[in-house]
PDB file of N, CA and C in Angstrom:
ATOM      1  N   MET A   1     104.416  77.177  98.633  1.00  0.00           N
ATOM      2  CA  MET A   1     103.537  76.838  99.718  1.00  0.00           C
ATOM      3  C   MET A   1     102.172  76.430  99.189  1.00  0.00           C
ATOM      4  N   ALA A   2     101.668  77.138  98.189  1.00  0.00           N
ATOM      5  CA  ALA A   2     100.331  76.849  97.679  1.00  0.00           C
ATOM      6  C   ALA A   2     100.251  75.430  97.138  1.00  0.00           C
ATOM      7  N   LEU A   3     101.293  74.990  96.421  1.00  0.00           N
ATOM      8  CA  LEU A   3     101.286  73.632  95.884  1.00  0.00           C
ATOM      9  C   LEU A   3     101.326  72.618  97.017  1.00  0.00           C
ATOM     10  N   HIS A   4     102.177  72.855  98.017  1.00  0.00           N
ATOM     11  CA  HIS A   4     102.288  71.952  99.162  1.00  0.00           C
ATOM     12  C   HIS A   4     100.960  71.855  99.896  1.00  0.00           C
ATOM     13  N   LEU A   5     100.338  72.997 100.180  1.00  0.00           N
ATOM     14  CA  LEU A   5      99.034  73.000 100.843  1.00  0.00           C
ATOM     15  C   LEU A   5      97.986  72.325  99.977  1.00  0.00           C
ATOM     16  N   HIS A   6      98.064  72.593  98.674  1.00  0.00           N
ATOM     17  CA  HIS A   6      97.083  72.003  97.767  1.00  0.00           C
ATOM     18  C   HIS A   6      97.158  70.482  97.806  1.00  0.00           C
ATOM     19  N   LEU A   7      98.354  69.918  97.803  1.00  0.00           N
ATOM     20  CA  LEU A   7      98.499  68.459  97.833  1.00  0.00           C
ATOM     21  C   LEU A   7      97.979  67.879  99.136  1.00  0.00           C
ATOM     22  N   ILE A   8      98.297  68.523 100.243  1.00  0.00           N
ATOM     23  CA  ILE A   8      97.813  68.047 101.542  1.00  0.00           C
ATOM     24  C   ILE A   8      96.293  68.125 101.597  1.00  0.00           C
ATOM     25  N   LEU A   9      95.768  69.264 101.185  1.00  0.00           N
ATOM     26  CA  LEU A   9      94.329  69.461 101.275  1.00  0.00           C
ATOM     27  C   LEU A   9      93.570  68.602 100.272  1.00  0.00           C
ATOM     28  N   LYS A  10      94.196  68.302  99.141  1.00  0.00           N
ATOM     29  CA  LYS A  10      93.554  67.417  98.169  1.00  0.00           C
ATOM     30  C   LYS A  10      93.372  66.037  98.781  1.00  0.00           C
ATOM     31  N   ASN A  11      94.404  65.550  99.468  1.00  0.00           N
ATOM     32  CA  ASN A  11      94.314  64.257 100.139  1.00  0.00           C
ATOM     33  C   ASN A  11      93.249  64.303 101.230  1.00  0.00           C
ATOM     34  N   MET A  12      93.236  65.386 102.009  1.00  0.00           N
ATOM     35  CA  MET A  12      92.228  65.534 103.052  1.00  0.00           C
ATOM     36  C   MET A  12      90.833  65.594 102.441  1.00  0.00           C
ATOM     37  N   SER A  13      90.723  66.276 101.314  1.00  0.00           N
ATOM     38  CA  SER A  13      89.433  66.433 100.656  1.00  0.00           C
ATOM     39  C   SER A  13      88.894  65.103 100.163  1.00  0.00           C
ATOM     40  N   SER A  14      89.766  64.268  99.619  1.00  0.00           N
ATOM     41  CA  SER A  14      89.294  62.976  99.119  1.00  0.00           C
ATOM     42  C   SER A  14      88.816  62.100 100.270  1.00  0.00           C
ATOM     43  N   ARG A  15      89.517  62.155 101.409  1.00  0.00           N
ATOM     44  CA  ARG A  15      89.056  61.402 102.580  1.00  0.00           C
ATOM     45  C   ARG A  15      87.745  61.969 103.098  1.00  0.00           C
ATOM     46  N   ARG A  16      87.646  63.284 103.102  1.00  0.00           N
ATOM     47  CA  ARG A  16      86.446  63.939 103.598  1.00  0.00           C
ATOM     48  C   ARG A  16      85.252  63.619 102.704  1.00  0.00           C
ATOM     49  N   SER A  17      85.443  63.643 101.392  1.00  0.00           N
ATOM     50  CA  SER A  17      84.319  63.401 100.497  1.00  0.00           C
ATOM     51  C   SER A  17      83.840  61.962 100.584  1.00  0.00           C
ATOM     52  N   ARG A  18      84.739  61.021 100.877  1.00  0.00           N
ATOM     53  CA  ARG A  18      84.322  59.625 101.040  1.00  0.00           C
ATOM     54  C   ARG A  18      83.480  59.454 102.287  1.00  0.00           C
ATOM     55  N   SER A  19      83.782  60.234 103.331  1.00  0.00           N
ATOM     56  CA  SER A  19      83.074  60.058 104.592  1.00  0.00           C
ATOM     57  C   SER A  19      81.872  60.988 104.736  1.00  0.00           C
ATOM     58  N   ARG A  20      81.737  61.947 103.864  1.00  0.00           N
ATOM     59  CA  ARG A  20      80.658  62.933 103.957  1.00  0.00           C
ATOM     60  C   ARG A  20      79.340  62.335 103.478  1.00  0.00           C
ATOM     61  N   GLN A  21      78.291  62.693 104.178  1.00  0.00           N
ATOM     62  CA  GLN A  21      76.970  62.277 103.740  1.00  0.00           C
ATOM     63  C   GLN A  21      76.482  63.263 102.695  1.00  0.00           C
ATOM     64  N   SER A  22      75.570  62.820 101.854  1.00  0.00           N
ATOM     65  CA  SER A  22      75.076  63.683 100.785  1.00  0.00           C
ATOM     66  C   SER A  22      74.261  64.833 101.357  1.00  0.00           C
ATOM     67  N   GLY A  23      74.169  65.912 100.588  1.00  0.00           N
ATOM     68  CA  GLY A  23      73.348  67.042 100.991  1.00  0.00           C
ATOM     69  C   GLY A  23      74.127  68.197 101.590  1.00  0.00           C
ATOM     70  N   GLY A  24      75.370  67.999 101.980  1.00  0.00           N
ATOM     71  CA  GLY A  24      76.153  69.073 102.584  1.00  0.00           C
ATOM     72  C   GLY A  24      76.763  69.969 101.523  1.00  0.00           C
ATOM     73  N   ALA A  25      76.979  71.229 101.868  1.00  0.00           N
ATOM     74  CA  ALA A  25      77.630  72.150 100.948  1.00  0.00           C
ATOM     75  C   ALA A  25      79.103  71.795 100.859  1.00  0.00           C
ATOM     76  N   ARG A  26      79.635  71.767  99.671  1.00  0.00           N
ATOM     77  CA  ARG A  26      81.031  71.392  99.456  1.00  0.00           C
ATOM     78  C   ARG A  26      81.890  72.647  99.447  1.00  0.00           C
ATOM     79  N   ILE A  27      82.977  72.580 100.168  1.00  0.00           N
ATOM     80  CA  ILE A  27      83.949  73.674 100.164  1.00  0.00           C
ATOM     81  C   ILE A  27      85.116  73.230  99.290  1.00  0.00           C
ATOM     82  N   SER A  28      85.559  74.113  98.433  1.00  0.00           N
ATOM     83  CA  SER A  28      86.613  73.745  97.487  1.00  0.00           C
ATOM     84  C   SER A  28      87.983  73.775  98.157  1.00  0.00           C
ATOM     85  N   ASP A  29      88.929  73.095  97.521  1.00  0.00           N
ATOM     86  CA  ASP A  29      90.309  73.101  98.017  1.00  0.00           C
ATOM     87  C   ASP A  29      90.872  74.518  98.023  1.00  0.00           C
ATOM     88  N   ASP A  30      90.514  75.305  97.004  1.00  0.00           N
ATOM     89  CA  ASP A  30      90.993  76.685  96.952  1.00  0.00           C
ATOM     90  C   ASP A  30      90.453  77.501  98.126  1.00  0.00           C
ATOM     91  N   GLN A  31      89.199  77.260  98.485  1.00  0.00           N
ATOM     92  CA  GLN A  31      88.623  77.964  99.631  1.00  0.00           C
ATOM     93  C   GLN A  31      89.335  77.559 100.921  1.00  0.00           C
ATOM     94  N   ILE A  32      89.631  76.280 101.058  1.00  0.00           N
ATOM     95  CA  ILE A  32      90.354  75.808 102.246  1.00  0.00           C
ATOM     96  C   ILE A  32      91.741  76.429 102.290  1.00  0.00           C
ATOM     97  N   ASN A  33      92.434  76.428 101.152  1.00  0.00           N
ATOM     98  CA  ASN A  33      93.763  77.046 101.093  1.00  0.00           C
ATOM     99  C   ASN A  33      93.696  78.512 101.495  1.00  0.00           C
ATOM    100  N   ASP A  34      92.687  79.210 101.001  1.00  0.00           N
ATOM    101  CA  ASP A  34      92.523  80.623 101.316  1.00  0.00           C
ATOM    102  C   ASP A  34      92.272  80.830 102.808  1.00  0.00           C
ATOM    103  N   LEU A  35      91.422  79.999 103.391  1.00  0.00           N
ATOM    104  CA  LEU A  35      91.125  80.112 104.822  1.00  0.00           C
ATOM    105  C   LEU A  35      92.348  79.805 105.681  1.00  0.00           C
ATOM    106  N   VAL A  36      93.107  78.796 105.303  1.00  0.00           N
ATOM    107  CA  VAL A  36      94.328  78.458 106.046  1.00  0.00           C
ATOM    108  C   VAL A  36      95.327  79.606 105.951  1.00  0.00           C
ATOM    109  N   SER A  37      95.429  80.194 104.770  1.00  0.00           N
ATOM    110  CA  SER A  37      96.336  81.330 104.590  1.00  0.00           C
ATOM    111  C   SER A  37      95.907  82.518 105.454  1.00  0.00           C
ATOM    112  N   LYS A  38      94.610  82.772 105.511  1.00  0.00           N
ATOM    113  CA  LYS A  38      94.104  83.868 106.346  1.00  0.00           C
ATOM    114  C   LYS A  38      94.365  83.596 107.822  1.00  0.00           C
ATOM    115  N   LEU A  39      94.180  82.355 108.246  1.00  0.00           N
ATOM    116  CA  LEU A  39      94.486  81.996 109.636  1.00  0.00           C
ATOM    117  C   LEU A  39      95.958  82.236 109.937  1.00  0.00           C
ATOM    118  N   GLN A  40      96.815  81.833 109.017  1.00  0.00           N
ATOM    119  CA  GLN A  40      98.254  81.983 109.222  1.00  0.00           C
ATOM    120  C   GLN A  40      98.618  83.455 109.396  1.00  0.00           C
ATOM    121  N   GLN A  41      97.974  84.332 108.654  1.00  0.00           N
ATOM    122  CA  GLN A  41      98.265  85.762 108.754  1.00  0.00           C
ATOM    123  C   GLN A  41      97.820  86.354 110.087  1.00  0.00           C
ATOM    124  N   LEU A  42      96.870  85.722 110.744  1.00  0.00           N
ATOM    125  CA  LEU A  42      96.388  86.211 112.039  1.00  0.00           C
ATOM    126  C   LEU A  42      97.281  85.800 113.202  1.00  0.00           C
ATOM    127  N   LEU A  43      98.142  84.842 112.972  1.00  0.00           N
ATOM    128  CA  LEU A  43      99.006  84.358 114.048  1.00  0.00           C
ATOM    129  C   LEU A  43     100.080  85.392 114.362  1.00  0.00           C
ATOM    130  N   PRO A  44     100.415  85.562 115.641  1.00  0.00           N
ATOM    131  CA  PRO A  44     101.397  86.583 116.012  1.00  0.00           C
ATOM    132  C   PRO A  44     102.800  86.288 115.484  1.00  0.00           C
ATOM    133  N   ARG A  45     103.117  85.034 115.330  1.00  0.00           N
ATOM    134  CA  ARG A  45     104.438  84.663 114.809  1.00  0.00           C
ATOM    135  C   ARG A  45     104.305  84.251 113.348  1.00  0.00           C
ATOM    136  N   PHE A  46     103.571  85.052 112.589  1.00  0.00           N
ATOM    137  CA  PHE A  46     103.311  84.773 111.183  1.00  0.00           C
ATOM    138  C   PHE A  46     104.628  84.679 110.419  1.00  0.00           C
ATOM    139  N   VAL A  47     104.818  83.548 109.776  1.00  0.00           N
ATOM    140  CA  VAL A  47     106.023  83.296 108.992  1.00  0.00           C
ATOM    141  C   VAL A  47     105.579  82.982 107.571  1.00  0.00           C
ATOM    142  N   THR A  48     106.291  83.527 106.605  1.00  0.00           N
ATOM    143  CA  THR A  48     105.882  83.333 105.220  1.00  0.00           C
ATOM    144  C   THR A  48     106.481  82.085 104.582  1.00  0.00           C
ATOM    145  N   VAL A  49     107.271  81.332 105.326  1.00  0.00           N
ATOM    146  CA  VAL A  49     107.838  80.109 104.753  1.00  0.00           C
ATOM    147  C   VAL A  49     106.750  79.055 104.623  1.00  0.00           C
ATOM    148  N   ASP A  50     107.018  78.072 103.794  1.00  0.00           N
ATOM    149  CA  ASP A  50     106.053  76.996 103.583  1.00  0.00           C
ATOM    150  C   ASP A  50     105.868  76.186 104.855  1.00  0.00           C
ATOM    151  N   VAL A  51     104.651  76.139 105.322  1.00  0.00           N
ATOM    152  CA  VAL A  51     104.284  75.292 106.454  1.00  0.00           C
ATOM    153  C   VAL A  51     103.019  74.552 106.064  1.00  0.00           C
ATOM    154  N   SER A  52     102.824  73.419 106.671  1.00  0.00           N
ATOM    155  CA  SER A  52     101.656  72.617 106.329  1.00  0.00           C
ATOM    156  C   SER A  52     100.390  73.224 106.920  1.00  0.00           C
ATOM    157  N   ALA A  53      99.276  72.852 106.338  1.00  0.00           N
ATOM    158  CA  ALA A  53      97.983  73.299 106.860  1.00  0.00           C
ATOM    159  C   ALA A  53      97.805  72.798 108.284  1.00  0.00           C
ATOM    160  N   ALA A  54      98.263  71.590 108.548  1.00  0.00           N
ATOM    161  CA  ALA A  54      98.152  71.027 109.897  1.00  0.00           C
ATOM    162  C   ALA A  54      98.918  71.884 110.900  1.00  0.00           C
ATOM    163  N   THR A  55     100.089  72.365 110.516  1.00  0.00           N
ATOM    164  CA  THR A  55     100.887  73.224 111.394  1.00  0.00           C
ATOM    165  C   THR A  55     100.164  74.540 111.658  1.00  0.00           C
ATOM    166  N   VAL A  56      99.596  75.120 110.616  1.00  0.00           N
ATOM    167  CA  VAL A  56      98.856  76.375 110.780  1.00  0.00           C
ATOM    168  C   VAL A  56      97.679  76.167 111.721  1.00  0.00           C
ATOM    169  N   LEU A  57      96.948  75.072 111.553  1.00  0.00           N
ATOM    170  CA  LEU A  57      95.802  74.798 112.419  1.00  0.00           C
ATOM    171  C   LEU A  57      96.240  74.558 113.860  1.00  0.00           C
ATOM    172  N   GLN A  58      97.340  73.831 114.043  1.00  0.00           N
ATOM    173  CA  GLN A  58      97.844  73.581 115.398  1.00  0.00           C
ATOM    174  C   GLN A  58      98.292  74.879 116.058  1.00  0.00           C
ATOM    175  N   GLU A  59      99.005  75.710 115.317  1.00  0.00           N
ATOM    176  CA  GLU A  59      99.452  76.996 115.857  1.00  0.00           C
ATOM    177  C   GLU A  59      98.263  77.898 116.177  1.00  0.00           C
ATOM    178  N   THR A  60      97.222  77.835 115.358  1.00  0.00           N
ATOM    179  CA  THR A  60      96.014  78.612 115.620  1.00  0.00           C
ATOM    180  C   THR A  60      95.365  78.164 116.922  1.00  0.00           C
ATOM    181  N   CYS A  61      95.263  76.862 117.115  1.00  0.00           N
ATOM    182  CA  CYS A  61      94.704  76.327 118.367  1.00  0.00           C
ATOM    183  C   CYS A  61      95.543  76.756 119.564  1.00  0.00           C
ATOM    184  N   ASN A  62      96.860  76.670 119.431  1.00  0.00           N
ATOM    185  CA  ASN A  62      97.751  77.091 120.521  1.00  0.00           C
ATOM    186  C   ASN A  62      97.563  78.573 120.845  1.00  0.00           C
ATOM    187  N   TYR A  63      97.434  79.381 119.806  1.00  0.00           N
ATOM    188  CA  TYR A  63      97.261  80.821 119.998  1.00  0.00           C
ATOM    189  C   TYR A  63      95.935  81.121 120.697  1.00  0.00           C
ATOM    190  N   ILE A  64      94.878  80.450 120.293  1.00  0.00           N
ATOM    191  CA  ILE A  64      93.573  80.650 120.932  1.00  0.00           C
ATOM    192  C   ILE A  64      93.637  80.246 122.401  1.00  0.00           C
ATOM    193  N   ARG A  65      94.315  79.129 122.692  1.00  0.00           N
ATOM    194  CA  ARG A  65      94.478  78.718 124.097  1.00  0.00           C
ATOM    195  C   ARG A  65      95.229  79.781 124.891  1.00  0.00           C
ATOM    196  N   SER A  66      96.277  80.339 124.302  1.00  0.00           N
ATOM    197  CA  SER A  66      97.046  81.364 125.019  1.00  0.00           C
ATOM    198  C   SER A  66      96.207  82.620 125.239  1.00  0.00           C
ATOM    199  N   LEU A  67      95.353  82.962 124.282  1.00  0.00           N
ATOM    200  CA  LEU A  67      94.457  84.106 124.465  1.00  0.00           C
ATOM    201  C   LEU A  67      93.460  83.849 125.590  1.00  0.00           C
ATOM    202  N   HIS A  68      92.953  82.623 125.676  1.00  0.00           N
ATOM    203  CA  HIS A  68      92.050  82.269 126.773  1.00  0.00           C
ATOM    204  C   HIS A  68      92.750  82.410 128.122  1.00  0.00           C
ATOM    205  N   ARG A  69      93.992  81.938 128.205  1.00  0.00           N
ATOM    206  CA  ARG A  69      94.752  82.069 129.460  1.00  0.00           C
ATOM    207  C   ARG A  69      94.961  83.537 129.812  1.00  0.00           C
ATOM    208  N   GLU A  70      95.266  84.340 128.804  1.00  0.00           N
ATOM    209  CA  GLU A  70      95.486  85.763 129.042  1.00  0.00           C
ATOM    210  C   GLU A  70      94.207  86.441 129.542  1.00  0.00           C
ATOM    211  N   VAL A  71      93.072  86.097 128.954  1.00  0.00           N
ATOM    212  CA  VAL A  71      91.792  86.651 129.413  1.00  0.00           C
ATOM    213  C   VAL A  71      91.527  86.236 130.854  1.00  0.00           C
ATOM    214  N   ASP A  72      91.770  84.965 131.166  1.00  0.00           N
ATOM    215  CA  ASP A  72      91.567  84.489 132.537  1.00  0.00           C
ATOM    216  C   ASP A  72      92.460  85.246 133.517  1.00  0.00           C
ATOM    217  N   ASP A  73      93.729  85.419 133.153  1.00  0.00           N
ATOM    218  CA  ASP A  73      94.662  86.144 134.022  1.00  0.00           C
ATOM    219  C   ASP A  73      94.225  87.595 134.222  1.00  0.00           C
ATOM    220  N   LEU A  74      93.828  88.244 133.141  1.00  0.00           N
ATOM    221  CA  LEU A  74      93.390  89.637 133.249  1.00  0.00           C
ATOM    222  C   LEU A  74      92.105  89.756 134.064  1.00  0.00           C
ATOM    223  N   SER A  75      91.211  88.801 133.900  1.00  0.00           N
ATOM    224  CA  SER A  75      89.971  88.811 134.691  1.00  0.00           C
ATOM    225  C   SER A  75      90.272  88.663 136.172  1.00  0.00           C
ATOM    226  N   GLU A  76      91.207  87.785 136.482  1.00  0.00           N
ATOM    227  CA  GLU A  76      91.588  87.596 137.887  1.00  0.00           C
ATOM    228  C   GLU A  76      92.222  88.860 138.452  1.00  0.00           C
ATOM    229  N   ARG A  77      93.109  89.477 137.688  1.00  0.00           N
ATOM    230  CA  ARG A  77      93.748  90.714 138.144  1.00  0.00           C
ATOM    231  C   ARG A  77      92.717  91.819 138.345  1.00  0.00           C
ATOM    232  N   LEU A  78      91.746  91.901 137.441  1.00  0.00           N
ATOM    233  CA  LEU A  78      90.704  92.909 137.569  1.00  0.00           C
ATOM    234  C   LEU A  78      89.851  92.660 138.808  1.00  0.00           C
ATOM    235  N   SER A  79      89.529  91.409 139.062  1.00  0.00           N
ATOM    236  CA  SER A  79      88.754  91.076 140.267  1.00  0.00           C
ATOM    237  C   SER A  79      89.502  91.480 141.522  1.00  0.00           C
ATOM    238  N   GLU A  80      90.810  91.220 141.547  1.00  0.00           N
ATOM    239  CA  GLU A  80      91.623  91.606 142.699  1.00  0.00           C
ATOM    240  C   GLU A  80      91.658  93.124 142.852  1.00  0.00           C
ATOM    241  N   LEU A  81      91.767  93.815 141.732  1.00  0.00           N
ATOM    242  CA  LEU A  81      91.791  95.276 141.762  1.00  0.00           C
ATOM    243  C   LEU A  81      90.462  95.836 142.266  1.00  0.00           C
ATOM    244  N   LEU A  82      89.361  95.271 141.779  1.00  0.00           N
ATOM    245  CA  LEU A  82      88.043  95.740 142.216  1.00  0.00           C
ATOM    246  C   LEU A  82      87.819  95.478 143.702  1.00  0.00           C
ATOM    247  N   ALA A  83      88.399  94.403 144.201  1.00  0.00           N
ATOM    248  CA  ALA A  83      88.240  94.074 145.622  1.00  0.00           C
ATOM    249  C   ALA A  83      88.962  95.081 146.515  1.00  0.00           C
ATOM    250  N   THR A  84      89.978  95.754 145.984  1.00  0.00           N
ATOM    251  CA  THR A  84      90.747  96.705 146.792  1.00  0.00           C
ATOM    252  C   THR A  84      90.300  98.149 146.597  1.00  0.00           C
ATOM    253  N   THR A  85      89.367  98.397 145.686  1.00  0.00           N
ATOM    254  CA  THR A  85      88.882  99.765 145.484  1.00  0.00           C
ATOM    255  C   THR A  85      87.585  99.966 146.261  1.00  0.00           C
ATOM    256  N   ASP A  86      87.311 101.235 146.546  1.00  0.00           N
ATOM    257  CA  ASP A  86      86.066 101.485 147.284  1.00  0.00           C
ATOM    258  C   ASP A  86      84.862 101.191 146.391  1.00  0.00           C
ATOM    259  N   SER A  87      83.727 101.025 147.001  1.00  0.00           N
ATOM    260  CA  SER A  87      82.544 100.553 146.281  1.00  0.00           C
ATOM    261  C   SER A  87      82.083 101.517 145.190  1.00  0.00           C
ATOM    262  N   ALA A  88      82.243 102.823 145.380  1.00  0.00           N
ATOM    263  CA  ALA A  88      81.830 103.792 144.358  1.00  0.00           C
ATOM    264  C   ALA A  88      82.692 103.657 143.105  1.00  0.00           C
ATOM    265  N   GLN A  89      84.014 103.561 143.302  1.00  0.00           N
ATOM    266  CA  GLN A  89      84.915 103.390 142.159  1.00  0.00           C
ATOM    267  C   GLN A  89      84.676 102.046 141.483  1.00  0.00           C
ATOM    268  N   ALA A  90      84.481 101.009 142.264  1.00  0.00           N
ATOM    269  CA  ALA A  90      84.231  99.682 141.710  1.00  0.00           C
ATOM    270  C   ALA A  90      82.944  99.679 140.892  1.00  0.00           C
ATOM    271  N   ALA A  91      81.926 100.397 141.356  1.00  0.00           N
ATOM    272  CA  ALA A  91      80.658 100.472 140.621  1.00  0.00           C
ATOM    273  C   ALA A  91      80.851 101.153 139.273  1.00  0.00           C
ATOM    274  N   VAL A  92      81.653 102.210 139.249  1.00  0.00           N
ATOM    275  CA  VAL A  92      81.934 102.907 137.990  1.00  0.00           C
ATOM    276  C   VAL A  92      82.671 101.979 137.028  1.00  0.00           C
ATOM    277  N   ILE A  93      83.672 101.275 137.530  1.00  0.00           N
ATOM    278  CA  ILE A  93      84.444 100.351 136.687  1.00  0.00           C
ATOM    279  C   ILE A  93      83.545  99.243 136.155  1.00  0.00           C
ATOM    280  N   ARG A  94      82.702  98.688 137.015  1.00  0.00           N
ATOM    281  CA  ARG A  94      81.783  97.623 136.578  1.00  0.00           C
ATOM    282  C   ARG A  94      80.825  98.123 135.502  1.00  0.00           C
ATOM    283  N   SER A  95      80.331  99.343 135.667  1.00  0.00           N
ATOM    284  CA  SER A  95      79.399  99.881 134.665  1.00  0.00           C
ATOM    285  C   SER A  95      80.104 100.095 133.328  1.00  0.00           C
ATOM    286  N   LEU A  96      81.362 100.517 133.365  1.00  0.00           N
ATOM    287  CA  LEU A  96      82.128 100.678 132.125  1.00  0.00           C
ATOM    288  C   LEU A  96      82.375  99.333 131.448  1.00  0.00           C
ATOM    289  N   LEU A  97      82.635  98.318 132.249  1.00  0.00           N
ATOM    290  CA  LEU A  97      82.905  96.989 131.696  1.00  0.00           C
ATOM    291  C   LEU A  97      81.658  96.340 131.112  1.00  0.00           C
ATOM    292  N   SER A  98      80.499  96.707 131.624  1.00  0.00           N
ATOM    293  CA  SER A  98      79.264  96.074 131.149  1.00  0.00           C
ATOM    294  C   SER A  98      78.742  96.699 129.861  1.00  0.00           C
ATOM    295  N   GLN A  99      79.354  97.771 129.398  1.00  0.00           N
ATOM    296  CA  GLN A  99      78.896  98.439 128.164  1.00  0.00           C
ATOM    297  C   GLN A  99      79.315  97.685 126.939  1.00  0.00           C
TER     298      GLN A  99
END
């Protein structure tokens, strides 16, 4: 996997360096490989088989979108729950959530 990622990222790096303006901090291919590997480990369906960096990035984006949907759903459910509780209980719950 490391060699496969290295080849992909080397190509990406050469394109990036041609388009980059001077003065920016350069990130090495090894650093990019390390970051992609760390992202892959954070994914819930983490698989150790060789996958491209592009696949890892796409899966990361998909996972973040799903987390956003889950937060939205939970927020809606909480709002519905607070609407059905008496005001004293709702105030306690709101104060706990604001901490």
